[in-house]
Amino acid sequence: MSEAQTKLDRHERENKKANMDVGQKDVRLNRVIDELEKHKIMLRDAKENEVGKRKDVTDELDRVLDENRKLERQRNELLQAFKKQMKLIDILKKQKLHIEAAKMLSFTEDEFTKLLDI
């Protein structure tokens, strides 16, 4: 009977040890599951932030491109205005030369008529 008792005690100890091991593994498994849930939440938040940042960057890029187009249009308008002003300056210079030539011609006409009268 003592041999049966020792076998029974040994089996009970092994059973307790196995139960303790299972308990410890359950605790570790629960910790790992909790940690996994935390990481899932962090990953989801990171993805949401990335999508938000991507949208912000896209919006900023669109704004900058629109501003660039606007500035390019203004630049082209200024260049056209400058070219028109240069043409007007050339026309005014020619007009000035013609006016001076007309004055010179009127002096010579007056002198010619005076000479004819003499």
PDB file of N, CA and C in Angstrom:
ATOM      1  N   MET A   1       0.811  -1.185   0.000  1.00  0.00           N
ATOM      2  CA  MET A   1       0.000   0.000   0.000  1.00  0.00           C
ATOM      3  C   MET A   1       0.862   1.260   0.000  1.00  0.00           C
ATOM      4  N   SER A   2       2.014   1.184   0.596  1.00  0.00           N
ATOM      5  CA  SER A   2       2.870   2.341   0.617  1.00  0.00           C
ATOM      6  C   SER A   2       3.381   2.659  -0.783  1.00  0.00           C
ATOM      7  N   GLU A   3       3.606   1.636  -1.563  1.00  0.00           N
ATOM      8  CA  GLU A   3       4.033   1.879  -2.957  1.00  0.00           C
ATOM      9  C   GLU A   3       2.922   2.555  -3.740  1.00  0.00           C
ATOM     10  N   ALA A   4       1.711   2.136  -3.556  1.00  0.00           N
ATOM     11  CA  ALA A   4       0.568   2.762  -4.230  1.00  0.00           C
ATOM     12  C   ALA A   4       0.397   4.188  -3.740  1.00  0.00           C
ATOM     13  N   GLN A   5       0.620   4.383  -2.441  1.00  0.00           N
ATOM     14  CA  GLN A   5       0.494   5.731  -1.874  1.00  0.00           C
ATOM     15  C   GLN A   5       1.555   6.653  -2.457  1.00  0.00           C
ATOM     16  N   THR A   6       2.793   6.159  -2.590  1.00  0.00           N
ATOM     17  CA  THR A   6       3.861   6.990  -3.151  1.00  0.00           C
ATOM     18  C   THR A   6       3.575   7.321  -4.610  1.00  0.00           C
ATOM     19  N   LYS A   7       3.045   6.341  -5.344  1.00  0.00           N
ATOM     20  CA  LYS A   7       2.691   6.605  -6.746  1.00  0.00           C
ATOM     21  C   LYS A   7       1.590   7.660  -6.818  1.00  0.00           C
ATOM     22  N   LEU A   8       0.612   7.521  -5.901  1.00  0.00           N
ATOM     23  CA  LEU A   8      -0.482   8.481  -5.870  1.00  0.00           C
ATOM     24  C   LEU A   8       0.038   9.871  -5.517  1.00  0.00           C
ATOM     25  N   ASP A   9       0.927   9.954  -4.518  1.00  0.00           N
ATOM     26  CA  ASP A   9       1.511  11.242  -4.137  1.00  0.00           C
ATOM     27  C   ASP A   9       2.314  11.844  -5.295  1.00  0.00           C
ATOM     28  N   ARG A  10       3.082  10.986  -5.946  1.00  0.00           N
ATOM     29  CA  ARG A  10       3.882  11.465  -7.083  1.00  0.00           C
ATOM     30  C   ARG A  10       2.981  11.983  -8.188  1.00  0.00           C
ATOM     31  N   HIS A  11       1.908  11.260  -8.505  1.00  0.00           N
ATOM     32  CA  HIS A  11       0.970  11.696  -9.540  1.00  0.00           C
ATOM     33  C   HIS A  11       0.284  13.003  -9.139  1.00  0.00           C
ATOM     34  N   GLU A  12      -0.053  13.113  -7.844  1.00  0.00           N
ATOM     35  CA  GLU A  12      -0.673  14.356  -7.381  1.00  0.00           C
ATOM     36  C   GLU A  12       0.297  15.532  -7.517  1.00  0.00           C
ATOM     37  N   ARG A  13       1.569  15.312  -7.150  1.00  0.00           N
ATOM     38  CA  ARG A  13       2.581  16.366  -7.299  1.00  0.00           C
ATOM     39  C   ARG A  13       2.767  16.746  -8.763  1.00  0.00           C
ATOM     40  N   GLU A  14       2.841  15.723  -9.602  1.00  0.00           N
ATOM     41  CA  GLU A  14       2.983  15.996 -11.037  1.00  0.00           C
ATOM     42  C   GLU A  14       1.758  16.740 -11.571  1.00  0.00           C
ATOM     43  N   ASN A  15       0.597  16.346 -11.073  1.00  0.00           N
ATOM     44  CA  ASN A  15      -0.645  17.015 -11.487  1.00  0.00           C
ATOM     45  C   ASN A  15      -0.649  18.466 -11.014  1.00  0.00           C
ATOM     46  N   LYS A  16      -0.222  18.718  -9.750  1.00  0.00           N
ATOM     47  CA  LYS A  16      -0.144  20.086  -9.233  1.00  0.00           C
ATOM     48  C   LYS A  16       0.858  20.903 -10.037  1.00  0.00           C
ATOM     49  N   LYS A  17       2.004  20.267 -10.307  1.00  0.00           N
ATOM     50  CA  LYS A  17       3.036  20.968 -11.076  1.00  0.00           C
ATOM     51  C   LYS A  17       2.534  21.299 -12.478  1.00  0.00           C
ATOM     52  N   ALA A  18       1.832  20.333 -13.092  1.00  0.00           N
ATOM     53  CA  ALA A  18       1.276  20.559 -14.425  1.00  0.00           C
ATOM     54  C   ALA A  18       0.233  21.667 -14.378  1.00  0.00           C
ATOM     55  N   ASN A  19      -0.604  21.665 -13.333  1.00  0.00           N
ATOM     56  CA  ASN A  19      -1.612  22.717 -13.178  1.00  0.00           C
ATOM     57  C   ASN A  19      -0.950  24.081 -12.977  1.00  0.00           C
ATOM     58  N   MET A  20       0.138  24.119 -12.201  1.00  0.00           N
ATOM     59  CA  MET A  20       0.856  25.376 -11.986  1.00  0.00           C
ATOM     60  C   MET A  20       1.472  25.858 -13.304  1.00  0.00           C
ATOM     61  N   ASP A  21       2.044  24.924 -14.046  1.00  0.00           N
ATOM     62  CA  ASP A  21       2.636  25.284 -15.338  1.00  0.00           C
ATOM     63  C   ASP A  21       1.562  25.836 -16.283  1.00  0.00           C
ATOM     64  N   VAL A  22       0.407  25.181 -16.295  1.00  0.00           N
ATOM     65  CA  VAL A  22      -0.695  25.634 -17.150  1.00  0.00           C
ATOM     66  C   VAL A  22      -1.152  27.018 -16.702  1.00  0.00           C
ATOM     67  N   GLY A  23      -1.236  27.219 -15.382  1.00  0.00           N
ATOM     68  CA  GLY A  23      -1.638  28.522 -14.848  1.00  0.00           C
ATOM     69  C   GLY A  23      -0.656  29.616 -15.246  1.00  0.00           C
ATOM     70  N   GLN A  24       0.636  29.307 -15.106  1.00  0.00           N
ATOM     71  CA  GLN A  24       1.663  30.277 -15.482  1.00  0.00           C
ATOM     72  C   GLN A  24       1.598  30.585 -16.980  1.00  0.00           C
ATOM     73  N   LYS A  25       1.386  29.549 -17.767  1.00  0.00           N
ATOM     74  CA  LYS A  25       1.299  29.754 -19.215  1.00  0.00           C
ATOM     75  C   LYS A  25       0.064  30.575 -19.567  1.00  0.00           C
ATOM     76  N   ASP A  26      -1.055  30.320 -18.826  1.00  0.00           N
ATOM     77  CA  ASP A  26      -2.262  31.124 -19.055  1.00  0.00           C
ATOM     78  C   ASP A  26      -2.003  32.589 -18.734  1.00  0.00           C
ATOM     79  N   VAL A  27      -1.300  32.840 -17.619  1.00  0.00           N
ATOM     80  CA  VAL A  27      -0.982  34.226 -17.240  1.00  0.00           C
ATOM     81  C   VAL A  27      -0.117  34.875 -18.316  1.00  0.00           C
ATOM     82  N   ARG A  28       0.920  34.162 -18.765  1.00  0.00           N
ATOM     83  CA  ARG A  28       1.784  34.708 -19.818  1.00  0.00           C
ATOM     84  C   ARG A  28       1.008  34.921 -21.110  1.00  0.00           C
ATOM     85  N   LEU A  29       0.120  33.975 -21.442  1.00  0.00           N
ATOM     86  CA  LEU A  29      -0.692  34.100 -22.649  1.00  0.00           C
ATOM     87  C   LEU A  29      -1.597  35.334 -22.568  1.00  0.00           C
ATOM     88  N   ASN A  30      -2.204  35.546 -21.395  1.00  0.00           N
ATOM     89  CA  ASN A  30      -3.060  36.724 -21.217  1.00  0.00           C
ATOM     90  C   ASN A  30      -2.259  38.014 -21.338  1.00  0.00           C
ATOM     91  N   ARG A  31      -1.046  38.022 -20.786  1.00  0.00           N
ATOM     92  CA  ARG A  31      -0.184  39.202 -20.920  1.00  0.00           C
ATOM     93  C   ARG A  31       0.156  39.463 -22.384  1.00  0.00           C
ATOM     94  N   VAL A  32       0.491  38.396 -23.087  1.00  0.00           N
ATOM     95  CA  VAL A  32       0.826  38.536 -24.510  1.00  0.00           C
ATOM     96  C   VAL A  32      -0.385  39.029 -25.303  1.00  0.00           C
ATOM     97  N   ILE A  33      -1.566  38.509 -24.960  1.00  0.00           N
ATOM     98  CA  ILE A  33      -2.789  38.948 -25.658  1.00  0.00           C
ATOM     99  C   ILE A  33      -3.043  40.428 -25.375  1.00  0.00           C
ATOM    100  N   ASP A  34      -2.876  40.851 -24.116  1.00  0.00           N
ATOM    101  CA  ASP A  34      -3.048  42.271 -23.775  1.00  0.00           C
ATOM    102  C   ASP A  34      -2.047  43.143 -24.542  1.00  0.00           C
ATOM    103  N   GLU A  35      -0.809  42.674 -24.572  1.00  0.00           N
ATOM    104  CA  GLU A  35       0.231  43.417 -25.302  1.00  0.00           C
ATOM    105  C   GLU A  35      -0.106  43.489 -26.792  1.00  0.00           C
ATOM    106  N   LEU A  36      -0.607  42.402 -27.330  1.00  0.00           N
ATOM    107  CA  LEU A  36      -1.005  42.364 -28.737  1.00  0.00           C
ATOM    108  C   LEU A  36      -2.123  43.365 -29.011  1.00  0.00           C
ATOM    109  N   GLU A  37      -3.096  43.444 -28.121  1.00  0.00           N
ATOM    110  CA  GLU A  37      -4.201  44.402 -28.279  1.00  0.00           C
ATOM    111  C   GLU A  37      -3.668  45.835 -28.243  1.00  0.00           C
ATOM    112  N   LYS A  38      -2.726  46.104 -27.329  1.00  0.00           N
ATOM    113  CA  LYS A  38      -2.125  47.443 -27.256  1.00  0.00           C
ATOM    114  C   LYS A  38      -1.442  47.785 -28.575  1.00  0.00           C
ATOM    115  N   HIS A  39      -0.693  46.823 -29.103  1.00  0.00           N
ATOM    116  CA  HIS A  39       0.020  47.063 -30.362  1.00  0.00           C
ATOM    117  C   HIS A  39      -0.946  47.236 -31.534  1.00  0.00           C
ATOM    118  N   LYS A  40      -2.053  46.487 -31.518  1.00  0.00           N
ATOM    119  CA  LYS A  40      -3.056  46.658 -32.573  1.00  0.00           C
ATOM    120  C   LYS A  40      -3.632  48.067 -32.533  1.00  0.00           C
ATOM    121  N   ILE A  41      -3.941  48.537 -31.316  1.00  0.00           N
ATOM    122  CA  ILE A  41      -4.485  49.896 -31.165  1.00  0.00           C
ATOM    123  C   ILE A  41      -3.456  50.918 -31.625  1.00  0.00           C
ATOM    124  N   MET A  42      -2.192  50.735 -31.248  1.00  0.00           N
ATOM    125  CA  MET A  42      -1.143  51.665 -31.661  1.00  0.00           C
ATOM    126  C   MET A  42      -0.993  51.662 -33.185  1.00  0.00           C
ATOM    127  N   LEU A  43      -1.058  50.479 -33.786  1.00  0.00           N
ATOM    128  CA  LEU A  43      -0.941  50.371 -35.236  1.00  0.00           C
ATOM    129  C   LEU A  43      -2.099  51.081 -35.927  1.00  0.00           C
ATOM    130  N   ARG A  44      -3.316  50.873 -35.421  1.00  0.00           N
ATOM    131  CA  ARG A  44      -4.488  51.530 -35.997  1.00  0.00           C
ATOM    132  C   ARG A  44      -4.363  53.056 -35.886  1.00  0.00           C
ATOM    133  N   ASP A  45      -3.915  53.528 -34.709  1.00  0.00           N
ATOM    134  CA  ASP A  45      -3.728  54.969 -34.526  1.00  0.00           C
ATOM    135  C   ASP A  45      -2.649  55.508 -35.464  1.00  0.00           C
ATOM    136  N   ALA A  46      -1.572  54.743 -35.612  1.00  0.00           N
ATOM    137  CA  ALA A  46      -0.496  55.172 -36.502  1.00  0.00           C
ATOM    138  C   ALA A  46      -0.993  55.243 -37.949  1.00  0.00           C
ATOM    139  N   LYS A  47      -1.798  54.276 -38.354  1.00  0.00           N
ATOM    140  CA  LYS A  47      -2.348  54.293 -39.715  1.00  0.00           C
ATOM    141  C   LYS A  47      -3.262  55.496 -39.913  1.00  0.00           C
ATOM    142  N   GLU A  48      -4.099  55.772 -38.906  1.00  0.00           N
ATOM    143  CA  GLU A  48      -4.997  56.934 -39.003  1.00  0.00           C
ATOM    144  C   GLU A  48      -4.197  58.225 -39.091  1.00  0.00           C
ATOM    145  N   ASN A  49      -3.143  58.320 -38.282  1.00  0.00           N
ATOM    146  CA  ASN A  49      -2.283  59.508 -38.327  1.00  0.00           C
ATOM    147  C   ASN A  49      -1.612  59.634 -39.683  1.00  0.00           C
ATOM    148  N   GLU A  50      -1.167  58.515 -40.229  1.00  0.00           N
ATOM    149  CA  GLU A  50      -0.499  58.530 -41.534  1.00  0.00           C
ATOM    150  C   GLU A  50      -1.459  58.996 -42.617  1.00  0.00           C
ATOM    151  N   VAL A  51      -2.697  58.500 -42.555  1.00  0.00           N
ATOM    152  CA  VAL A  51      -3.703  58.916 -43.537  1.00  0.00           C
ATOM    153  C   VAL A  51      -3.970  60.410 -43.386  1.00  0.00           C
ATOM    154  N   GLY A  52      -4.074  60.872 -42.140  1.00  0.00           N
ATOM    155  CA  GLY A  52      -4.293  62.298 -41.889  1.00  0.00           C
ATOM    156  C   GLY A  52      -3.134  63.135 -42.385  1.00  0.00           C
ATOM    157  N   LYS A  53      -1.916  62.688 -42.125  1.00  0.00           N
ATOM    158  CA  LYS A  53      -0.732  63.419 -42.591  1.00  0.00           C
ATOM    159  C   LYS A  53      -0.690  63.433 -44.115  1.00  0.00           C
ATOM    160  N   ARG A  54      -1.001  62.294 -44.721  1.00  0.00           N
ATOM    161  CA  ARG A  54      -0.995  62.212 -46.176  1.00  0.00           C
ATOM    162  C   ARG A  54      -2.006  63.184 -46.767  1.00  0.00           C
ATOM    163  N   LYS A  55      -3.177  63.270 -46.136  1.00  0.00           N
ATOM    164  CA  LYS A  55      -4.210  64.197 -46.607  1.00  0.00           C
ATOM    165  C   LYS A  55      -3.735  65.639 -46.438  1.00  0.00           C
ATOM    166  N   ASP A  56      -3.098  65.928 -45.294  1.00  0.00           N
ATOM    167  CA  ASP A  56      -2.576  67.279 -45.060  1.00  0.00           C
ATOM    168  C   ASP A  56      -1.510  67.636 -46.090  1.00  0.00           C
ATOM    169  N   VAL A  57      -0.628  66.680 -46.369  1.00  0.00           N
ATOM    170  CA  VAL A  57       0.430  66.932 -47.351  1.00  0.00           C
ATOM    171  C   VAL A  57      -0.179  67.141 -48.738  1.00  0.00           C
ATOM    172  N   THR A  58      -1.176  66.333 -49.075  1.00  0.00           N
ATOM    173  CA  THR A  58      -1.838  66.482 -50.375  1.00  0.00           C
ATOM    174  C   THR A  58      -2.523  67.832 -50.475  1.00  0.00           C
ATOM    175  N   ASP A  59      -3.219  68.235 -49.406  1.00  0.00           N
ATOM    176  CA  ASP A  59      -3.876  69.545 -49.404  1.00  0.00           C
ATOM    177  C   ASP A  59      -2.847  70.663 -49.544  1.00  0.00           C
ATOM    178  N   GLU A  60      -1.743  70.560 -48.825  1.00  0.00           N
ATOM    179  CA  GLU A  60      -0.688  71.578 -48.906  1.00  0.00           C
ATOM    180  C   GLU A  60      -0.093  71.628 -50.314  1.00  0.00           C
ATOM    181  N   LEU A  61       0.113  70.455 -50.909  1.00  0.00           N
ATOM    182  CA  LEU A  61       0.650  70.403 -52.260  1.00  0.00           C
ATOM    183  C   LEU A  61      -0.304  71.061 -53.251  1.00  0.00           C
ATOM    184  N   ASP A  62      -1.598  70.768 -53.125  1.00  0.00           N
ATOM    185  CA  ASP A  62      -2.587  71.400 -54.005  1.00  0.00           C
ATOM    186  C   ASP A  62      -2.588  72.907 -53.834  1.00  0.00           C
ATOM    187  N   ARG A  63      -2.501  73.369 -52.580  1.00  0.00           N
ATOM    188  CA  ARG A  63      -2.485  74.809 -52.323  1.00  0.00           C
ATOM    189  C   ARG A  63      -1.250  75.467 -52.950  1.00  0.00           C
ATOM    190  N   VAL A  64      -0.106  74.826 -52.780  1.00  0.00           N
ATOM    191  CA  VAL A  64       1.133  75.377 -53.339  1.00  0.00           C
ATOM    192  C   VAL A  64       1.074  75.384 -54.863  1.00  0.00           C
ATOM    193  N   LEU A  65       0.530  74.325 -55.463  1.00  0.00           N
ATOM    194  CA  LEU A  65       0.420  74.279 -56.921  1.00  0.00           C
ATOM    195  C   LEU A  65      -0.521  75.364 -57.439  1.00  0.00           C
ATOM    196  N   ASP A  66      -1.635  75.577 -56.732  1.00  0.00           N
ATOM    197  CA  ASP A  66      -2.551  76.645 -57.136  1.00  0.00           C
ATOM    198  C   ASP A  66      -1.878  78.012 -57.032  1.00  0.00           C
ATOM    199  N   GLU A  67      -1.155  78.217 -55.945  1.00  0.00           N
ATOM    200  CA  GLU A  67      -0.450  79.493 -55.770  1.00  0.00           C
ATOM    201  C   GLU A  67       0.617  79.666 -56.846  1.00  0.00           C
ATOM    202  N   ASN A  68       1.292  78.571 -57.194  1.00  0.00           N
ATOM    203  CA  ASN A  68       2.322  78.622 -58.235  1.00  0.00           C
ATOM    204  C   ASN A  68       1.709  78.999 -59.581  1.00  0.00           C
ATOM    205  N   ARG A  69       0.551  78.397 -59.901  1.00  0.00           N
ATOM    206  CA  ARG A  69      -0.136  78.737 -61.155  1.00  0.00           C
ATOM    207  C   ARG A  69      -0.542  80.210 -61.171  1.00  0.00           C
ATOM    208  N   LYS A  70      -1.046  80.675 -60.044  1.00  0.00           N
ATOM    209  CA  LYS A  70      -1.467  82.072 -59.934  1.00  0.00           C
ATOM    210  C   LYS A  70      -0.275  83.005 -60.146  1.00  0.00           C
ATOM    211  N   LEU A  71       0.839  82.700 -59.510  1.00  0.00           N
ATOM    212  CA  LEU A  71       2.043  83.530 -59.652  1.00  0.00           C
ATOM    213  C   LEU A  71       2.581  83.477 -61.082  1.00  0.00           C
ATOM    214  N   GLU A  72       2.507  82.321 -61.704  1.00  0.00           N
ATOM    215  CA  GLU A  72       2.956  82.190 -63.095  1.00  0.00           C
ATOM    216  C   GLU A  72       2.097  83.055 -64.017  1.00  0.00           C
ATOM    217  N   ARG A  73       0.779  83.041 -63.764  1.00  0.00           N
ATOM    218  CA  ARG A  73      -0.122  83.891 -64.562  1.00  0.00           C
ATOM    219  C   ARG A  73       0.220  85.362 -64.365  1.00  0.00           C
ATOM    220  N   GLN A  74       0.447  85.768 -63.126  1.00  0.00           N
ATOM    221  CA  GLN A  74       0.810  87.159 -62.846  1.00  0.00           C
ATOM    222  C   GLN A  74       2.120  87.522 -63.525  1.00  0.00           C
ATOM    223  N   ARG A  75       3.077  86.622 -63.501  1.00  0.00           N
ATOM    224  CA  ARG A  75       4.376  86.867 -64.144  1.00  0.00           C
ATOM    225  C   ARG A  75       4.185  87.087 -65.648  1.00  0.00           C
ATOM    226  N   ASN A  76       3.377  86.215 -66.262  1.00  0.00           N
ATOM    227  CA  ASN A  76       3.127  86.348 -67.702  1.00  0.00           C
ATOM    228  C   ASN A  76       2.431  87.670 -68.020  1.00  0.00           C
ATOM    229  N   GLU A  77       1.473  88.062 -67.165  1.00  0.00           N
ATOM    230  CA  GLU A  77       0.787  89.330 -67.381  1.00  0.00           C
ATOM    231  C   GLU A  77       1.764  90.501 -67.268  1.00  0.00           C
ATOM    232  N   LEU A  78       2.658  90.447 -66.292  1.00  0.00           N
ATOM    233  CA  LEU A  78       3.656  91.515 -66.134  1.00  0.00           C
ATOM    234  C   LEU A  78       4.595  91.574 -67.335  1.00  0.00           C
ATOM    235  N   LEU A  79       4.997  90.425 -67.836  1.00  0.00           N
ATOM    236  CA  LEU A  79       5.871  90.418 -69.018  1.00  0.00           C
ATOM    237  C   LEU A  79       5.169  91.023 -70.230  1.00  0.00           C
ATOM    238  N   GLN A  80       3.891  90.693 -70.402  1.00  0.00           N
ATOM    239  CA  GLN A  80       3.136  91.258 -71.515  1.00  0.00           C
ATOM    240  C   GLN A  80       3.008  92.772 -71.360  1.00  0.00           C
ATOM    241  N   ALA A  81       2.722  93.225 -70.132  1.00  0.00           N
ATOM    242  CA  ALA A  81       2.610  94.668 -69.887  1.00  0.00           C
ATOM    243  C   ALA A  81       3.943  95.356 -70.149  1.00  0.00           C
ATOM    244  N   PHE A  82       5.040  94.738 -69.745  1.00  0.00           N
ATOM    245  CA  PHE A  82       6.364  95.318 -69.974  1.00  0.00           C
ATOM    246  C   PHE A  82       6.656  95.426 -71.470  1.00  0.00           C
ATOM    247  N   LYS A  83       6.317  94.384 -72.227  1.00  0.00           N
ATOM    248  CA  LYS A  83       6.536  94.420 -73.678  1.00  0.00           C
ATOM    249  C   LYS A  83       5.715  95.526 -74.323  1.00  0.00           C
ATOM    250  N   LYS A  84       4.466  95.687 -73.885  1.00  0.00           N
ATOM    251  CA  LYS A  84       3.624  96.751 -74.425  1.00  0.00           C
ATOM    252  C   LYS A  84       4.208  98.114 -74.095  1.00  0.00           C
ATOM    253  N   GLN A  85       4.710  98.277 -72.869  1.00  0.00           N
ATOM    254  CA  GLN A  85       5.317  99.547 -72.488  1.00  0.00           C
ATOM    255  C   GLN A  85       6.550  99.842 -73.343  1.00  0.00           C
ATOM    256  N   MET A  86       7.337  98.819 -73.614  1.00  0.00           N
ATOM    257  CA  MET A  86       8.534  99.020 -74.453  1.00  0.00           C
ATOM    258  C   MET A  86       8.126  99.453 -75.862  1.00  0.00           C
ATOM    259  N   LYS A  87       7.057  98.864 -76.396  1.00  0.00           N
ATOM    260  CA  LYS A  87       6.577  99.273 -77.723  1.00  0.00           C
ATOM    261  C   LYS A  87       6.097 100.718 -77.695  1.00  0.00           C
ATOM    262  N   LEU A  88       5.357 101.082 -76.626  1.00  0.00           N
ATOM    263  CA  LEU A  88       4.885 102.466 -76.512  1.00  0.00           C
ATOM    264  C   LEU A  88       6.044 103.444 -76.385  1.00  0.00           C
ATOM    265  N   ILE A  89       7.080 103.061 -75.659  1.00  0.00           N
ATOM    266  CA  ILE A  89       8.269 103.928 -75.547  1.00  0.00           C
ATOM    267  C   ILE A  89       8.909 104.128 -76.910  1.00  0.00           C
ATOM    268  N   ASP A  90       9.030 103.041 -77.680  1.00  0.00           N
ATOM    269  CA  ASP A  90       9.599 103.167 -79.028  1.00  0.00           C
ATOM    270  C   ASP A  90       8.747 104.094 -79.891  1.00  0.00           C
ATOM    271  N   ILE A  91       7.429 103.964 -79.795  1.00  0.00           N
ATOM    272  CA  ILE A  91       6.533 104.823 -80.586  1.00  0.00           C
ATOM    273  C   ILE A  91       6.697 106.274 -80.168  1.00  0.00           C
ATOM    274  N   LEU A  92       6.781 106.526 -78.864  1.00  0.00           N
ATOM    275  CA  LEU A  92       6.960 107.890 -78.369  1.00  0.00           C
ATOM    276  C   LEU A  92       8.292 108.475 -78.831  1.00  0.00           C
ATOM    277  N   LYS A  93       9.343 107.698 -78.862  1.00  0.00           N
ATOM    278  CA  LYS A  93      10.643 108.178 -79.349  1.00  0.00           C
ATOM    279  C   LYS A  93      10.549 108.567 -80.817  1.00  0.00           C
ATOM    280  N   LYS A  94       9.854 107.717 -81.592  1.00  0.00           N
ATOM    281  CA  LYS A  94       9.698 108.038 -83.019  1.00  0.00           C
ATOM    282  C   LYS A  94       8.886 109.306 -83.204  1.00  0.00           C
ATOM    283  N   GLN A  95       7.827 109.450 -82.392  1.00  0.00           N
ATOM    284  CA  GLN A  95       7.009 110.653 -82.481  1.00  0.00           C
ATOM    285  C   GLN A  95       7.833 111.889 -82.126  1.00  0.00           C
ATOM    286  N   LYS A  96       8.661 111.760 -81.102  1.00  0.00           N
ATOM    287  CA  LYS A  96       9.516 112.886 -80.703  1.00  0.00           C
ATOM    288  C   LYS A  96      10.445 113.275 -81.849  1.00  0.00           C
ATOM    289  N   LEU A  97      11.039 112.270 -82.497  1.00  0.00           N
ATOM    290  CA  LEU A  97      11.923 112.557 -83.636  1.00  0.00           C
ATOM    291  C   LEU A  97      11.156 113.248 -84.771  1.00  0.00           C
ATOM    292  N   HIS A  98       9.946 112.794 -85.036  1.00  0.00           N
ATOM    293  CA  HIS A  98       9.145 113.405 -86.097  1.00  0.00           C
ATOM    294  C   HIS A  98       8.776 114.845 -85.745  1.00  0.00           C
ATOM    295  N   ILE A  99       8.461 115.083 -84.457  1.00  0.00           N
ATOM    296  CA  ILE A  99       8.123 116.456 -84.037  1.00  0.00           C
ATOM    297  C   ILE A  99       9.339 117.357 -84.198  1.00  0.00           C
ATOM    298  N   GLU A 100      10.510 116.879 -83.776  1.00  0.00           N
ATOM    299  CA  GLU A 100      11.728 117.678 -83.918  1.00  0.00           C
ATOM    300  C   GLU A 100      12.033 117.931 -85.391  1.00  0.00           C
ATOM    301  N   ALA A 101      11.841 116.918 -86.212  1.00  0.00           N
ATOM    302  CA  ALA A 101      12.093 117.095 -87.646  1.00  0.00           C
ATOM    303  C   ALA A 101      11.099 118.087 -88.231  1.00  0.00           C
ATOM    304  N   ALA A 102       9.849 118.050 -87.787  1.00  0.00           N
ATOM    305  CA  ALA A 102       8.850 118.988 -88.285  1.00  0.00           C
ATOM    306  C   ALA A 102       9.196 120.411 -87.874  1.00  0.00           C
ATOM    307  N   LYS A 103       9.692 120.609 -86.640  1.00  0.00           N
ATOM    308  CA  LYS A 103      10.110 121.943 -86.201  1.00  0.00           C
ATOM    309  C   LYS A 103      11.253 122.444 -87.055  1.00  0.00           C
ATOM    310  N   MET A 104      12.213 121.568 -87.290  1.00  0.00           N
ATOM    311  CA  MET A 104      13.365 121.967 -88.123  1.00  0.00           C
ATOM    312  C   MET A 104      12.896 122.311 -89.529  1.00  0.00           C
ATOM    313  N   LEU A 105      11.976 121.535 -90.030  1.00  0.00           N
ATOM    314  CA  LEU A 105      11.463 121.781 -91.374  1.00  0.00           C
ATOM    315  C   LEU A 105      10.692 123.093 -91.420  1.00  0.00           C
ATOM    316  N   SER A 106       9.944 123.413 -90.353  1.00  0.00           N
ATOM    317  CA  SER A 106       9.188 124.672 -90.348  1.00  0.00           C
ATOM    318  C   SER A 106      10.146 125.852 -90.313  1.00  0.00           C
ATOM    319  N   PHE A 107      11.266 125.736 -89.592  1.00  0.00           N
ATOM    320  CA  PHE A 107      12.251 126.825 -89.602  1.00  0.00           C
ATOM    321  C   PHE A 107      12.814 127.025 -90.996  1.00  0.00           C
ATOM    322  N   THR A 108      13.131 125.936 -91.630  1.00  0.00           N
ATOM    323  CA  THR A 108      13.704 126.092 -92.970  1.00  0.00           C
ATOM    324  C   THR A 108      12.672 126.630 -93.946  1.00  0.00           C
ATOM    325  N   GLU A 109      11.410 126.271 -93.764  1.00  0.00           N
ATOM    326  CA  GLU A 109      10.350 126.814 -94.630  1.00  0.00           C
ATOM    327  C   GLU A 109      10.231 128.313 -94.436  1.00  0.00           C
ATOM    328  N   ASP A 110      10.266 128.723 -93.162  1.00  0.00           N
ATOM    329  CA  ASP A 110      10.173 130.153 -92.874  1.00  0.00           C
ATOM    330  C   ASP A 110      11.348 130.905 -93.482  1.00  0.00           C
ATOM    331  N   GLU A 111      12.516 130.339 -93.335  1.00  0.00           N
ATOM    332  CA  GLU A 111      13.695 130.985 -93.922  1.00  0.00           C
ATOM    333  C   GLU A 111      13.595 131.026 -95.452  1.00  0.00           C
ATOM    334  N   PHE A 112      13.063 129.947 -96.028  1.00  0.00           N
ATOM    335  CA  PHE A 112      12.918 129.899 -97.494  1.00  0.00           C
ATOM    336  C   PHE A 112      11.943 130.963 -97.984  1.00  0.00           C
ATOM    337  N   THR A 113      10.827 131.112 -97.250  1.00  0.00           N
ATOM    338  CA  THR A 113       9.858 132.136 -97.657  1.00  0.00           C
ATOM    339  C   THR A 113      10.422 133.534 -97.502  1.00  0.00           C
ATOM    340  N   LYS A 114      11.233 133.758 -96.449  1.00  0.00           N
ATOM    341  CA  LYS A 114      11.871 135.047 -96.271  1.00  0.00           C
ATOM    342  C   LYS A 114      12.814 135.344 -97.417  1.00  0.00           C
ATOM    343  N   LEU A 115      13.531 134.316 -97.805  1.00  0.00           N
ATOM    344  CA  LEU A 115      14.480 134.519 -98.905  1.00  0.00           C
ATOM    345  C   LEU A 115      13.737 134.812-100.219  1.00  0.00           C
ATOM    346  N   LEU A 116      12.628 134.163-100.401  1.00  0.00           N
ATOM    347  CA  LEU A 116      11.842 134.402-101.609  1.00  0.00           C
ATOM    348  C   LEU A 116      11.273 135.816-101.612  1.00  0.00           C
ATOM    349  N   ASP A 117      10.904 136.274-100.434  1.00  0.00           N
ATOM    350  CA  ASP A 117      10.359 137.606-100.347  1.00  0.00           C
ATOM    351  C   ASP A 117      11.421 138.680-100.615  1.00  0.00           C
ATOM    352  N   ILE A 118      12.596 138.384-100.368  1.00  0.00           N
ATOM    353  CA  ILE A 118      13.650 139.372-100.551  1.00  0.00           C
ATOM    354  C   ILE A 118      13.920 139.545-101.997  1.00  0.00           C
TER     355      ILE A 118
END
